[in-house]
């Protein structure tokens, strides 16, 4: 059974058709990249998947259940987590404190002012695992807002991972990064995919990242699917070359 299925999803904003009958099937364990020029509808499509607004038509299935009308919170509870183009962290808190918030939310402890010693120990242990996984041990005590952009992004991804998702949605994870930061985040995503067996769907503009990471690529243009296939197939697709990669068809 596929983990995520999107069937002919469209989203209209008045007369503007931002997403036009897009279908997508992602099996468990796949790393799927979604690419396309600016204005192609990529982030709107992510908003449909993650529940920030419902599709005008079509439906979305997650683990075989119809979640078309489910709220973002309900989707998180089912095993879906997402990051955003603009890094979403608590800049005035340390990296460890950011992760603690995410771990407590995942454990359903948001309304528990006092925690038993055993529960507190489990939370601390989970935080240490996430710090190691994200390569953030040396930065655990630093304020998140003081970190370089790449480390902030790694912290945000680890906060999403604290929710124990089966599907991780990454919206332009390397946006605004230099070469070294891009490399580090790419390696982190690769580790999560390969070592943690995590299903990942990402939007990305950097074709080096896309062709290095993706099992399959879906190309959007003007809100519709222009092409889909392996990196090798997409690289050979003349329509993609003309519309996105900047080569003559």
C-alpha atoms as a PDB file:
ATOM      1  CA  UNK A   1       0.000   0.000   0.000  1.00  0.00           C
ATOM      2  CA  UNK A   2       1.268   3.459  -0.884  1.00  0.00           C
ATOM      3  CA  UNK A   3       1.939   5.778   2.053  1.00  0.00           C
ATOM      4  CA  UNK A   4       0.669   8.929   0.312  1.00  0.00           C
ATOM      5  CA  UNK A   5      -1.761   9.144  -2.595  1.00  0.00           C
ATOM      6  CA  UNK A   6      -2.976  12.411  -4.092  1.00  0.00           C
ATOM      7  CA  UNK A   7      -5.757  11.976  -6.630  1.00  0.00           C
ATOM      8  CA  UNK A   8      -6.440  14.771  -9.132  1.00  0.00           C
ATOM      9  CA  UNK A   9      -6.035  17.514  -6.543  1.00  0.00           C
ATOM     10  CA  UNK A  10      -6.810  21.076  -7.614  1.00  0.00           C
ATOM     11  CA  UNK A  11      -6.818  24.341  -5.721  1.00  0.00           C
ATOM     12  CA  UNK A  12      -8.489  27.503  -6.988  1.00  0.00           C
ATOM     13  CA  UNK A  13      -8.141  30.988  -5.547  1.00  0.00           C
ATOM     14  CA  UNK A  14     -10.971  32.769  -7.283  1.00  0.00           C
ATOM     15  CA  UNK A  15     -10.141  32.617 -10.993  1.00  0.00           C
ATOM     16  CA  UNK A  16      -6.527  31.570 -10.295  1.00  0.00           C
ATOM     17  CA  UNK A  17      -5.853  27.835 -10.611  1.00  0.00           C
ATOM     18  CA  UNK A  18      -2.779  27.318  -8.415  1.00  0.00           C
ATOM     19  CA  UNK A  19      -2.849  23.502  -8.590  1.00  0.00           C
ATOM     20  CA  UNK A  20      -4.538  21.802 -11.522  1.00  0.00           C
ATOM     21  CA  UNK A  21      -5.525  18.136 -11.203  1.00  0.00           C
ATOM     22  CA  UNK A  22      -2.222  16.922  -9.738  1.00  0.00           C
ATOM     23  CA  UNK A  23      -1.835  13.254  -8.810  1.00  0.00           C
ATOM     24  CA  UNK A  24       1.016  11.779  -6.806  1.00  0.00           C
ATOM     25  CA  UNK A  25       1.741   8.330  -5.373  1.00  0.00           C
ATOM     26  CA  UNK A  26       4.570   7.864  -2.855  1.00  0.00           C
ATOM     27  CA  UNK A  27       5.353   4.354  -1.570  1.00  0.00           C
ATOM     28  CA  UNK A  28       6.886   3.794   1.876  1.00  0.00           C
ATOM     29  CA  UNK A  29      10.623   4.486   2.008  1.00  0.00           C
ATOM     30  CA  UNK A  30      10.789   6.655  -1.113  1.00  0.00           C
ATOM     31  CA  UNK A  31      12.486  10.032  -1.345  1.00  0.00           C
ATOM     32  CA  UNK A  32      10.441  12.064  -3.816  1.00  0.00           C
ATOM     33  CA  UNK A  33      11.511  15.488  -5.061  1.00  0.00           C
ATOM     34  CA  UNK A  34       9.049  18.049  -6.419  1.00  0.00           C
ATOM     35  CA  UNK A  35      10.611  20.643  -8.693  1.00  0.00           C
ATOM     36  CA  UNK A  36       9.395  23.386 -10.984  1.00  0.00           C
ATOM     37  CA  UNK A  37       9.879  27.073 -11.763  1.00  0.00           C
ATOM     38  CA  UNK A  38       8.653  29.823  -9.451  1.00  0.00           C
ATOM     39  CA  UNK A  39       4.867  29.979  -9.495  1.00  0.00           C
ATOM     40  CA  UNK A  40       4.522  26.323 -10.485  1.00  0.00           C
ATOM     41  CA  UNK A  41       2.290  25.568  -7.485  1.00  0.00           C
ATOM     42  CA  UNK A  42       4.794  23.571  -5.425  1.00  0.00           C
ATOM     43  CA  UNK A  43       4.192  25.169  -2.027  1.00  0.00           C
ATOM     44  CA  UNK A  44       0.431  25.307  -2.617  1.00  0.00           C
ATOM     45  CA  UNK A  45       0.577  21.583  -3.351  1.00  0.00           C
ATOM     46  CA  UNK A  46       2.486  21.024  -0.091  1.00  0.00           C
ATOM     47  CA  UNK A  47      -0.193  23.033   1.710  1.00  0.00           C
ATOM     48  CA  UNK A  48      -2.816  20.645   0.345  1.00  0.00           C
ATOM     49  CA  UNK A  49      -0.870  17.588   1.494  1.00  0.00           C
ATOM     50  CA  UNK A  50      -0.214  18.995   4.973  1.00  0.00           C
ATOM     51  CA  UNK A  51      -3.750  20.296   5.451  1.00  0.00           C
ATOM     52  CA  UNK A  52      -3.274  24.049   5.580  1.00  0.00           C
ATOM     53  CA  UNK A  53      -6.218  24.284   3.246  1.00  0.00           C
ATOM     54  CA  UNK A  54      -8.325  21.661   1.481  1.00  0.00           C
ATOM     55  CA  UNK A  55      -8.279  21.038  -2.252  1.00  0.00           C
ATOM     56  CA  UNK A  56     -11.035  22.590  -4.348  1.00  0.00           C
ATOM     57  CA  UNK A  57     -11.427  19.147  -5.911  1.00  0.00           C
ATOM     58  CA  UNK A  58      -9.716  15.777  -5.670  1.00  0.00           C
ATOM     59  CA  UNK A  59      -8.728  13.843  -2.580  1.00  0.00           C
ATOM     60  CA  UNK A  60      -5.707  12.897  -0.484  1.00  0.00           C
ATOM     61  CA  UNK A  61      -5.069   9.508   1.133  1.00  0.00           C
ATOM     62  CA  UNK A  62      -2.498   8.802   3.840  1.00  0.00           C
ATOM     63  CA  UNK A  63      -1.878   5.206   4.914  1.00  0.00           C
ATOM     64  CA  UNK A  64      -5.029   4.274   3.034  1.00  0.00           C
ATOM     65  CA  UNK A  65      -7.243   6.751   4.888  1.00  0.00           C
ATOM     66  CA  UNK A  66      -8.957   9.706   3.247  1.00  0.00           C
ATOM     67  CA  UNK A  67      -7.508  12.809   4.936  1.00  0.00           C
ATOM     68  CA  UNK A  68      -8.810  15.377   2.442  1.00  0.00           C
ATOM     69  CA  UNK A  69     -10.682  17.293   5.147  1.00  0.00           C
ATOM     70  CA  UNK A  70      -8.357  16.469   8.069  1.00  0.00           C
ATOM     71  CA  UNK A  71      -6.711  19.347   9.939  1.00  0.00           C
ATOM     72  CA  UNK A  72      -2.916  19.803  10.071  1.00  0.00           C
ATOM     73  CA  UNK A  73      -2.971  18.639  13.700  1.00  0.00           C
ATOM     74  CA  UNK A  74      -4.834  15.476  12.771  1.00  0.00           C
ATOM     75  CA  UNK A  75      -2.321  14.758  10.020  1.00  0.00           C
ATOM     76  CA  UNK A  76       0.583  15.214  12.427  1.00  0.00           C
ATOM     77  CA  UNK A  77      -1.079  12.762  14.821  1.00  0.00           C
ATOM     78  CA  UNK A  78      -1.371  10.265  11.950  1.00  0.00           C
ATOM     79  CA  UNK A  79       2.354  10.481  11.192  1.00  0.00           C
ATOM     80  CA  UNK A  80       3.000  13.476   8.933  1.00  0.00           C
ATOM     81  CA  UNK A  81       5.450  16.315   9.693  1.00  0.00           C
ATOM     82  CA  UNK A  82       6.577  19.328   7.710  1.00  0.00           C
ATOM     83  CA  UNK A  83       9.189  22.073   7.573  1.00  0.00           C
ATOM     84  CA  UNK A  84       8.757  25.424   5.804  1.00  0.00           C
ATOM     85  CA  UNK A  85      10.661  27.665   3.406  1.00  0.00           C
ATOM     86  CA  UNK A  86      11.331  30.080   6.277  1.00  0.00           C
ATOM     87  CA  UNK A  87      12.929  28.247   9.194  1.00  0.00           C
ATOM     88  CA  UNK A  88      10.450  27.820  12.059  1.00  0.00           C
ATOM     89  CA  UNK A  89      12.293  27.662  15.398  1.00  0.00           C
ATOM     90  CA  UNK A  90      12.193  29.464  18.742  1.00  0.00           C
ATOM     91  CA  UNK A  91      15.227  31.766  18.318  1.00  0.00           C
ATOM     92  CA  UNK A  92      15.300  32.891  21.960  1.00  0.00           C
ATOM     93  CA  UNK A  93      15.586  29.297  23.238  1.00  0.00           C
ATOM     94  CA  UNK A  94      18.545  26.945  23.065  1.00  0.00           C
ATOM     95  CA  UNK A  95      18.693  24.114  20.553  1.00  0.00           C
ATOM     96  CA  UNK A  96      18.078  21.640  23.380  1.00  0.00           C
ATOM     97  CA  UNK A  97      15.058  23.622  24.585  1.00  0.00           C
ATOM     98  CA  UNK A  98      13.648  23.728  21.050  1.00  0.00           C
ATOM     99  CA  UNK A  99      13.948  19.969  20.812  1.00  0.00           C
ATOM    100  CA  UNK A 100      12.461  19.492  24.264  1.00  0.00           C
ATOM    101  CA  UNK A 101       9.324  21.362  23.211  1.00  0.00           C
ATOM    102  CA  UNK A 102       8.968  19.149  20.130  1.00  0.00           C
ATOM    103  CA  UNK A 103       9.586  15.948  22.106  1.00  0.00           C
ATOM    104  CA  UNK A 104       7.035  16.900  24.771  1.00  0.00           C
ATOM    105  CA  UNK A 105       4.458  17.747  22.110  1.00  0.00           C
ATOM    106  CA  UNK A 106       5.081  14.376  20.455  1.00  0.00           C
ATOM    107  CA  UNK A 107       4.579  12.664  23.822  1.00  0.00           C
ATOM    108  CA  UNK A 108       1.309  14.535  24.483  1.00  0.00           C
ATOM    109  CA  UNK A 109       2.787  16.413  27.437  1.00  0.00           C
ATOM    110  CA  UNK A 110       2.002  19.987  26.420  1.00  0.00           C
ATOM    111  CA  UNK A 111      -0.403  20.463  29.343  1.00  0.00           C
ATOM    112  CA  UNK A 112       1.687  18.687  31.986  1.00  0.00           C
ATOM    113  CA  UNK A 113       3.499  21.221  34.212  1.00  0.00           C
ATOM    114  CA  UNK A 114       5.145  18.472  36.263  1.00  0.00           C
ATOM    115  CA  UNK A 115       6.739  15.331  34.849  1.00  0.00           C
ATOM    116  CA  UNK A 116       7.630  12.127  36.646  1.00  0.00           C
ATOM    117  CA  UNK A 117      11.326  11.405  36.937  1.00  0.00           C
ATOM    118  CA  UNK A 118      11.122   8.411  34.594  1.00  0.00           C
ATOM    119  CA  UNK A 119       9.256  10.434  31.953  1.00  0.00           C
ATOM    120  CA  UNK A 120      11.750  13.288  32.250  1.00  0.00           C
ATOM    121  CA  UNK A 121      14.611  10.829  31.758  1.00  0.00           C
ATOM    122  CA  UNK A 122      12.972   9.438  28.625  1.00  0.00           C
ATOM    123  CA  UNK A 123      12.553  12.948  27.229  1.00  0.00           C
ATOM    124  CA  UNK A 124      16.200  13.817  27.891  1.00  0.00           C
ATOM    125  CA  UNK A 125      17.284  10.581  26.238  1.00  0.00           C
ATOM    126  CA  UNK A 126      15.183  11.309  23.155  1.00  0.00           C
ATOM    127  CA  UNK A 127      16.620  14.822  22.936  1.00  0.00           C
ATOM    128  CA  UNK A 128      20.170  13.465  23.027  1.00  0.00           C
ATOM    129  CA  UNK A 129      19.344  11.017  20.247  1.00  0.00           C
ATOM    130  CA  UNK A 130      17.989  13.862  18.091  1.00  0.00           C
ATOM    131  CA  UNK A 131      21.014  16.048  18.808  1.00  0.00           C
ATOM    132  CA  UNK A 132      23.353  13.273  17.670  1.00  0.00           C
ATOM    133  CA  UNK A 133      21.235  12.466  14.646  1.00  0.00           C
ATOM    134  CA  UNK A 134      21.276  16.112  13.555  1.00  0.00           C
ATOM    135  CA  UNK A 135      24.970  16.656  14.325  1.00  0.00           C
ATOM    136  CA  UNK A 136      23.996  19.320  16.850  1.00  0.00           C
ATOM    137  CA  UNK A 137      25.592  18.034  20.077  1.00  0.00           C
ATOM    138  CA  UNK A 138      28.204  20.822  20.205  1.00  0.00           C
ATOM    139  CA  UNK A 139      25.500  23.460  19.688  1.00  0.00           C
ATOM    140  CA  UNK A 140      22.903  22.062  22.082  1.00  0.00           C
ATOM    141  CA  UNK A 141      23.287  24.875  24.633  1.00  0.00           C
ATOM    142  CA  UNK A 142      23.443  27.756  22.168  1.00  0.00           C
ATOM    143  CA  UNK A 143      20.491  29.983  21.393  1.00  0.00           C
ATOM    144  CA  UNK A 144      18.927  28.740  18.165  1.00  0.00           C
ATOM    145  CA  UNK A 145      18.679  32.290  16.802  1.00  0.00           C
ATOM    146  CA  UNK A 146      22.452  32.719  17.048  1.00  0.00           C
ATOM    147  CA  UNK A 147      23.277  29.691  14.917  1.00  0.00           C
ATOM    148  CA  UNK A 148      24.241  29.766  11.238  1.00  0.00           C
ATOM    149  CA  UNK A 149      21.345  29.183   8.866  1.00  0.00           C
ATOM    150  CA  UNK A 150      22.351  25.590   8.128  1.00  0.00           C
ATOM    151  CA  UNK A 151      22.367  24.649  11.815  1.00  0.00           C
ATOM    152  CA  UNK A 152      19.012  26.349  12.335  1.00  0.00           C
ATOM    153  CA  UNK A 153      17.595  24.291   9.490  1.00  0.00           C
ATOM    154  CA  UNK A 154      19.067  21.100  10.962  1.00  0.00           C
ATOM    155  CA  UNK A 155      17.437  21.960  14.306  1.00  0.00           C
ATOM    156  CA  UNK A 156      14.092  22.530  12.590  1.00  0.00           C
ATOM    157  CA  UNK A 157      14.326  19.186  10.794  1.00  0.00           C
ATOM    158  CA  UNK A 158      15.121  17.464  14.098  1.00  0.00           C
ATOM    159  CA  UNK A 159      12.096  19.169  15.699  1.00  0.00           C
ATOM    160  CA  UNK A 160       9.958  17.710  12.914  1.00  0.00           C
ATOM    161  CA  UNK A 161      11.584  14.320  13.443  1.00  0.00           C
ATOM    162  CA  UNK A 162      10.760  14.505  17.158  1.00  0.00           C
ATOM    163  CA  UNK A 163       7.129  14.004  16.119  1.00  0.00           C
ATOM    164  CA  UNK A 164       8.106  10.511  14.894  1.00  0.00           C
ATOM    165  CA  UNK A 165       6.635  10.966  11.423  1.00  0.00           C
ATOM    166  CA  UNK A 166       6.237   8.294   8.806  1.00  0.00           C
ATOM    167  CA  UNK A 167       6.230  11.015   6.151  1.00  0.00           C
ATOM    168  CA  UNK A 168       8.487  14.079   6.321  1.00  0.00           C
ATOM    169  CA  UNK A 169       7.705  17.029   4.036  1.00  0.00           C
ATOM    170  CA  UNK A 170      10.640  19.408   3.474  1.00  0.00           C
ATOM    171  CA  UNK A 171       9.939  22.732   1.766  1.00  0.00           C
ATOM    172  CA  UNK A 172      13.181  23.989   0.155  1.00  0.00           C
ATOM    173  CA  UNK A 173      15.491  22.666   2.900  1.00  0.00           C
ATOM    174  CA  UNK A 174      18.673  24.199   1.395  1.00  0.00           C
ATOM    175  CA  UNK A 175      17.231  27.615   0.443  1.00  0.00           C
ATOM    176  CA  UNK A 176      19.648  30.482   1.101  1.00  0.00           C
ATOM    177  CA  UNK A 177      22.615  28.261   1.938  1.00  0.00           C
ATOM    178  CA  UNK A 178      26.203  28.269   0.794  1.00  0.00           C
ATOM    179  CA  UNK A 179      27.923  25.223  -0.617  1.00  0.00           C
ATOM    180  CA  UNK A 180      29.067  23.735   2.714  1.00  0.00           C
ATOM    181  CA  UNK A 181      25.707  24.223   4.411  1.00  0.00           C
ATOM    182  CA  UNK A 182      23.942  22.741   1.391  1.00  0.00           C
ATOM    183  CA  UNK A 183      26.251  19.728   1.536  1.00  0.00           C
ATOM    184  CA  UNK A 184      25.668  19.262   5.275  1.00  0.00           C
ATOM    185  CA  UNK A 185      21.867  19.414   4.993  1.00  0.00           C
ATOM    186  CA  UNK A 186      21.937  17.108   1.966  1.00  0.00           C
ATOM    187  CA  UNK A 187      23.931  14.574   3.979  1.00  0.00           C
ATOM    188  CA  UNK A 188      21.497  14.908   6.888  1.00  0.00           C
ATOM    189  CA  UNK A 189      18.523  14.232   4.614  1.00  0.00           C
ATOM    190  CA  UNK A 190      20.336  11.258   3.109  1.00  0.00           C
ATOM    191  CA  UNK A 191      20.996   9.814   6.582  1.00  0.00           C
ATOM    192  CA  UNK A 192      17.367  10.213   7.599  1.00  0.00           C
ATOM    193  CA  UNK A 193      16.213   8.516   4.412  1.00  0.00           C
ATOM    194  CA  UNK A 194      18.718   5.655   4.377  1.00  0.00           C
ATOM    195  CA  UNK A 195      19.427   5.026   8.065  1.00  0.00           C
ATOM    196  CA  UNK A 196      16.024   5.868   9.563  1.00  0.00           C
ATOM    197  CA  UNK A 197      14.071   4.433   6.596  1.00  0.00           C
ATOM    198  CA  UNK A 198      12.059   7.649   6.502  1.00  0.00           C
ATOM    199  CA  UNK A 199       9.737   8.495   3.613  1.00  0.00           C
ATOM    200  CA  UNK A 200      10.536  12.032   2.457  1.00  0.00           C
ATOM    201  CA  UNK A 201       8.924  14.391  -0.034  1.00  0.00           C
ATOM    202  CA  UNK A 202      10.865  17.585  -0.645  1.00  0.00           C
ATOM    203  CA  UNK A 203      10.565  20.730  -2.709  1.00  0.00           C
ATOM    204  CA  UNK A 204      13.961  21.903  -3.903  1.00  0.00           C
ATOM    205  CA  UNK A 205      15.392  24.358  -6.413  1.00  0.00           C
ATOM    206  CA  UNK A 206      19.013  23.176  -6.252  1.00  0.00           C
ATOM    207  CA  UNK A 207      19.284  20.533  -8.958  1.00  0.00           C
ATOM    208  CA  UNK A 208      22.521  19.207  -7.454  1.00  0.00           C
ATOM    209  CA  UNK A 209      20.570  18.300  -4.327  1.00  0.00           C
ATOM    210  CA  UNK A 210      17.615  16.869  -6.263  1.00  0.00           C
ATOM    211  CA  UNK A 211      19.644  14.626  -8.549  1.00  0.00           C
ATOM    212  CA  UNK A 212      21.866  13.517  -5.663  1.00  0.00           C
ATOM    213  CA  UNK A 213      19.026  12.534  -3.323  1.00  0.00           C
ATOM    214  CA  UNK A 214      15.801  11.697  -5.128  1.00  0.00           C
ATOM    215  CA  UNK A 215      14.539   8.243  -6.008  1.00  0.00           C
ATOM    216  CA  UNK A 216      11.905   9.864  -8.242  1.00  0.00           C
ATOM    217  CA  UNK A 217      11.137  13.425  -9.315  1.00  0.00           C
ATOM    218  CA  UNK A 218       7.807  15.086 -10.053  1.00  0.00           C
ATOM    219  CA  UNK A 219       7.964  18.261 -12.156  1.00  0.00           C
ATOM    220  CA  UNK A 220       5.241  20.895 -11.839  1.00  0.00           C
ATOM    221  CA  UNK A 221       4.675  23.750 -14.284  1.00  0.00           C
ATOM    222  CA  UNK A 222       1.784  26.206 -14.155  1.00  0.00           C
ATOM    223  CA  UNK A 223       0.102  24.119 -11.467  1.00  0.00           C
ATOM    224  CA  UNK A 224       0.097  20.837 -13.414  1.00  0.00           C
ATOM    225  CA  UNK A 225       2.379  17.814 -13.658  1.00  0.00           C
ATOM    226  CA  UNK A 226       4.827  18.279 -16.518  1.00  0.00           C
ATOM    227  CA  UNK A 227       6.762  15.069 -15.979  1.00  0.00           C
ATOM    228  CA  UNK A 228       7.626  12.339 -13.516  1.00  0.00           C
ATOM    229  CA  UNK A 229      10.383   9.752 -13.361  1.00  0.00           C
ATOM    230  CA  UNK A 230      13.808   8.829 -12.082  1.00  0.00           C
ATOM    231  CA  UNK A 231      16.521  11.519 -12.055  1.00  0.00           C
ATOM    232  CA  UNK A 232      17.940  10.013 -15.221  1.00  0.00           C
ATOM    233  CA  UNK A 233      14.559  10.091 -16.980  1.00  0.00           C
ATOM    234  CA  UNK A 234      13.876  13.675 -15.910  1.00  0.00           C
ATOM    235  CA  UNK A 235      17.316  14.806 -17.058  1.00  0.00           C
ATOM    236  CA  UNK A 236      16.520  13.424 -20.541  1.00  0.00           C
ATOM    237  CA  UNK A 237      12.992  14.853 -20.717  1.00  0.00           C
ATOM    238  CA  UNK A 238      12.994  17.608 -23.342  1.00  0.00           C
ATOM    239  CA  UNK A 239       9.843  19.219 -21.943  1.00  0.00           C
ATOM    240  CA  UNK A 240      11.536  19.588 -18.569  1.00  0.00           C
ATOM    241  CA  UNK A 241      14.670  20.932 -20.191  1.00  0.00           C
ATOM    242  CA  UNK A 242      12.677  23.563 -22.031  1.00  0.00           C
ATOM    243  CA  UNK A 243      10.408  24.578 -19.149  1.00  0.00           C
ATOM    244  CA  UNK A 244      12.734  24.350 -16.178  1.00  0.00           C
ATOM    245  CA  UNK A 245      16.321  23.328 -16.753  1.00  0.00           C
ATOM    246  CA  UNK A 246      16.912  26.110 -19.248  1.00  0.00           C
ATOM    247  CA  UNK A 247      17.953  23.996 -22.230  1.00  0.00           C
ATOM    248  CA  UNK A 248      16.550  24.098 -25.720  1.00  0.00           C
ATOM    249  CA  UNK A 249      14.042  21.366 -26.439  1.00  0.00           C
END
